[in-house]
Protein backbone atom coordinates (compact mmCIF):
# COMPACT_ATOMS: atom_id res chain seq x y z
CA MET A 1 58.89 -53.86 -41.36
CA SER A 2 56.35 -51.17 -40.38
CA ASP A 3 55.15 -48.08 -42.41
CA PRO A 4 57.37 -45.30 -41.75
CA ARG A 5 54.33 -42.89 -42.05
CA THR A 6 52.51 -44.32 -39.09
CA ALA A 7 55.63 -45.09 -37.18
CA ARG A 8 55.79 -41.25 -36.85
CA GLU A 9 52.25 -40.38 -35.96
CA PHE A 10 51.49 -38.72 -32.45
CA ASP A 11 48.96 -36.85 -30.68
CA ALA A 12 49.78 -33.15 -29.43
CA ASN A 13 47.63 -30.81 -27.55
CA LEU A 14 47.31 -27.10 -28.43
CA PRO A 15 47.02 -24.78 -25.35
CA ARG A 16 43.53 -24.19 -24.33
CA LEU A 17 42.16 -27.04 -26.43
CA SER A 18 40.61 -30.06 -24.60
CA LYS A 19 41.04 -32.77 -27.49
CA PRO A 20 44.56 -33.93 -28.75
CA VAL A 21 45.29 -33.33 -32.49
CA ARG A 22 46.45 -36.21 -34.29
CA ILE A 23 49.63 -35.46 -36.59
CA SER A 24 50.31 -37.98 -39.09
CA THR A 25 52.07 -36.07 -41.99
CA PHE A 26 54.71 -33.51 -42.28
CA HIS A 27 51.97 -31.15 -43.63
CA ASP A 28 49.74 -31.86 -40.47
CA ALA A 29 52.91 -30.83 -38.47
CA GLN A 30 53.13 -27.57 -40.42
CA VAL A 31 49.64 -26.72 -39.68
CA PHE A 32 49.61 -27.39 -36.31
CA VAL A 33 52.89 -25.37 -35.48
CA ARG A 34 50.98 -22.44 -37.52
CA ARG A 35 48.21 -22.75 -35.31
CA TRP A 36 50.15 -23.05 -32.29
CA ALA A 37 52.40 -19.89 -33.20
CA ILE A 38 49.03 -17.93 -33.51
CA ARG A 39 47.79 -19.06 -29.84
CA ASP A 40 51.08 -18.71 -28.19
CA LYS A 41 53.39 -15.64 -29.06
CA ASP A 42 56.43 -17.51 -27.86
CA LEU A 43 59.66 -16.84 -30.02
CA ALA A 44 60.85 -20.38 -29.87
CA ILE A 45 57.63 -21.50 -31.37
CA ARG A 46 57.75 -18.92 -34.15
CA ALA A 47 61.34 -20.08 -34.95
CA LEU A 48 60.11 -23.71 -34.96
CA ARG A 49 57.54 -22.54 -37.79
CA ARG A 50 60.07 -20.92 -39.97
CA ARG A 51 62.25 -24.05 -39.69
CA LEU A 52 59.29 -26.28 -40.54
CA ASP A 53 58.65 -23.95 -43.50
CA ARG A 54 62.06 -24.04 -44.86
CA VAL A 55 62.39 -27.88 -44.87
CA ASN A 56 64.06 -29.03 -48.17
CA SER A 57 65.04 -32.78 -47.15
CA ALA A 58 63.74 -35.64 -45.46
CA GLU A 59 66.59 -35.63 -43.18
CA THR A 60 65.66 -31.72 -41.99
CA ALA A 61 62.08 -32.64 -41.89
CA ASP A 62 62.82 -35.51 -39.45
CA SER A 63 65.06 -33.23 -37.30
CA ALA A 64 62.38 -30.37 -37.34
CA LEU A 65 59.69 -33.14 -36.06
CA VAL A 66 62.04 -34.00 -33.36
CA ASP A 67 62.48 -30.73 -32.26
CA LEU A 68 58.53 -30.14 -32.44
CA LYS A 69 58.15 -33.11 -30.14
CA ARG A 70 60.81 -31.73 -27.77
CA GLU A 71 59.03 -28.23 -27.63
CA LEU A 72 55.78 -30.07 -27.02
CA ALA A 73 57.13 -32.21 -24.26
CA ALA A 74 58.85 -29.17 -22.57
CA ARG A 75 55.43 -27.49 -22.17
CA GLY A 76 53.40 -30.75 -21.39
CA LEU A 77 51.48 -30.71 -24.55
CA LEU A 78 52.09 -34.67 -25.38
CA PRO A 79 49.10 -36.51 -24.13
CA ARG A 80 51.27 -39.46 -23.39
CA ALA A 81 54.94 -40.37 -23.22
CA GLU A 82 56.44 -41.27 -26.59
CA PRO A 83 58.88 -44.21 -26.45
CA ALA A 84 62.62 -43.32 -27.08
CA PRO A 85 63.82 -44.32 -30.68
CA ARG A 86 66.28 -47.02 -30.84
């Protein structure tokens, strides 16, 4: 069985940043979204930031990370395609 922490690792791009950022922990995701909200004044990103700040269980954390990946994919900020979960 693989390590669940490494199974959730992924790379993401911030707008106007040439090098992708490695997100390997939930805290990394929170910091990434905070920086993204500063760069991009989109209300959906700000709502995602608030949702990540209010996480209180593993289930809501996983759901918030899925939403983060969805927002990144919608904006073309995932450097490579992520395999679909089974």
